[in-house]
C-alpha cells in the first residue's frame, strides 16, 4: 500500500474512532446527568429529614425548657411554703414556751402561797 492509501485508511479509522467516542460521550453525559439528578434528589431528601429532625429536637428542647421553668416555679413555691411553715412552727414554739413559763410562774406562786 502506498503512503496515501495508508493515510486514507488511518483517517477513516480516526473518523470512525471519533464517531464512537462522540457517541460514547453523549451516552455517558446522559448517564452522568441521571446520576447527578439522583444524587441531588438524595441530598434534598436527607436535607429535608435533617431539617425535620432538627425541628423535632428544637421542639423537644423548648418543651424541656418550659418544664424546667415550671419545676423551678414549683420549687420556689415549695421553698416559700416551707419558710412559712418554719415561721409558724417558730411562733407556735414561742407560744408554747410562753405558756410553759406562765404556768411555771403560777406553779411557783401556788407553792409559795401554800404554808
Protein backbone atom coordinates (compact mmCIF):
# COMPACT_ATOMS: atom_id res chain seq x y z
CA UNK A 1 0.00 0.00 0.00
CA UNK A 2 1.12 3.41 -0.74
CA UNK A 3 1.57 6.22 1.73
CA UNK A 4 -1.63 7.90 0.55
CA UNK A 5 -3.70 4.78 0.90
CA UNK A 6 -2.35 4.22 4.44
CA UNK A 7 -3.10 7.83 5.23
CA UNK A 8 -6.69 7.44 3.93
CA UNK A 9 -7.21 4.26 5.95
CA UNK A 10 -5.79 5.91 9.08
CA UNK A 11 -8.00 8.94 8.52
CA UNK A 12 -11.05 6.72 8.10
CA UNK A 13 -10.15 4.80 11.28
CA UNK A 14 -9.67 8.05 13.15
CA UNK A 15 -13.03 9.28 11.91
CA UNK A 16 -14.75 6.06 12.97
CA UNK A 17 -12.99 6.20 16.34
CA UNK A 18 -14.09 9.84 16.73
CA UNK A 19 -17.69 8.89 15.94
CA UNK A 20 -17.60 6.10 18.54
CA UNK A 21 -16.04 8.40 21.11
CA UNK A 22 -18.67 11.05 20.38
CA UNK A 23 -21.50 8.54 20.77
CA UNK A 24 -19.89 7.23 23.97
CA UNK A 25 -19.57 10.79 25.29
CA UNK A 26 -23.22 11.55 24.53
CA UNK A 27 -24.40 8.37 26.25
CA UNK A 28 -22.04 8.91 29.18
CA UNK A 29 -23.30 12.51 29.51
CA UNK A 30 -26.90 11.28 29.74
CA UNK A 31 -25.96 8.65 32.32
CA UNK A 32 -23.98 11.19 34.33
CA UNK A 33 -26.87 13.67 34.25
CA UNK A 34 -29.23 10.98 35.54
CA UNK A 35 -26.75 10.04 38.27
CA UNK A 36 -26.28 13.69 39.27
CA UNK A 37 -30.05 14.19 39.41
CA UNK A 38 -30.40 11.06 41.55
CA UNK A 39 -27.70 12.36 43.90
CA UNK A 40 -29.43 15.76 44.08
CA UNK A 41 -32.69 14.03 45.00
CA UNK A 42 -30.94 12.08 47.74
CA UNK A 43 -29.32 15.26 49.07
CA UNK A 44 -32.70 17.03 49.08
CA UNK A 45 -34.29 14.09 50.89
CA UNK A 46 -31.52 13.93 53.50
CA UNK A 47 -31.65 17.68 53.93
CA UNK A 48 -35.41 17.56 54.49
CA UNK A 49 -35.03 14.74 57.00
CA UNK A 50 -32.27 16.66 58.77
CA UNK A 51 -34.41 19.80 58.96
CA UNK A 52 -37.33 17.77 60.34
CA UNK A 53 -35.05 16.13 62.89
CA UNK A 54 -33.62 19.48 63.97
CA UNK A 55 -37.16 20.87 64.28
CA UNK A 56 -38.15 17.92 66.49
CA UNK A 57 -35.05 18.44 68.62
CA UNK A 58 -35.79 22.14 68.94
CA UNK A 59 -39.42 21.49 69.92
CA UNK A 60 -38.24 18.95 72.49
CA UNK A 61 -35.77 21.43 73.92
CA UNK A 62 -38.45 24.10 74.14
CA UNK A 63 -40.74 21.67 75.95
CA UNK A 64 -37.94 20.75 78.34
CA UNK A 65 -37.23 24.42 78.98
CA UNK A 66 -40.90 25.04 79.77
CA UNK A 67 -41.00 22.04 82.08
CA UNK A 68 -37.77 23.16 83.79
CA UNK A 69 -39.19 26.65 84.28
CA UNK A 70 -42.38 25.16 85.74
CA UNK A 71 -40.33 22.96 88.06
CA UNK A 72 -38.29 25.98 89.17
CA UNK A 73 -41.51 27.83 89.96
CA UNK A 74 -42.81 24.84 91.91
CA UNK A 75 -39.54 24.55 93.85
CA UNK A 76 -39.64 28.27 94.67
CA UNK A 77 -43.26 27.94 95.82
CA UNK A 78 -42.37 24.91 97.94
CA UNK A 79 -39.47 26.81 99.49
CA UNK A 80 -41.79 29.70 100.33
CA UNK A 81 -44.27 27.26 101.87
CA UNK A 82 -41.51 25.62 103.91
CA UNK A 83 -40.28 29.01 105.11
CA UNK A 84 -43.84 29.96 106.09
CA UNK A 85 -44.25 26.64 107.91
CA UNK A 86 -40.97 27.24 109.75
CA UNK A 87 -42.13 30.70 110.79
CA UNK A 88 -45.43 29.28 112.01
CA UNK A 89 -43.59 26.50 113.84
CA UNK A 90 -41.29 29.04 115.49
CA UNK A 91 -44.30 31.12 116.57
CA UNK A 92 -46.01 28.00 117.93
CA UNK A 93 -42.85 27.05 119.85
CA UNK A 94 -42.62 30.57 121.26
CA UNK A 95 -46.27 30.40 122.27
CA UNK A 96 -45.78 27.01 123.92
CA UNK A 97 -42.66 28.34 125.66
CA UNK A 98 -44.57 31.37 126.94
CA UNK A 99 -47.34 29.07 128.20
CA UNK A 100 -44.77 26.91 129.97
CA UNK A 101 -43.20 30.00 131.54
CA UNK A 102 -46.55 31.38 132.66
CA UNK A 103 -47.67 28.01 134.06
CA UNK A 104 -44.37 27.57 135.86
CA UNK A 105 -44.80 31.05 137.36
CA UNK A 106 -48.31 30.11 138.55
CA UNK A 107 -46.99 26.89 139.98
CA UNK A 108 -44.24 28.76 141.88
CA UNK A 109 -46.81 31.24 143.15
CA UNK A 110 -49.05 28.41 144.27
CA UNK A 111 -46.18 26.67 146.03
CA UNK A 112 -45.12 29.88 147.82
CA UNK A 113 -48.66 30.63 148.95
CA UNK A 114 -49.25 27.22 150.44
CA UNK A 115 -47.99 27.05 154.07
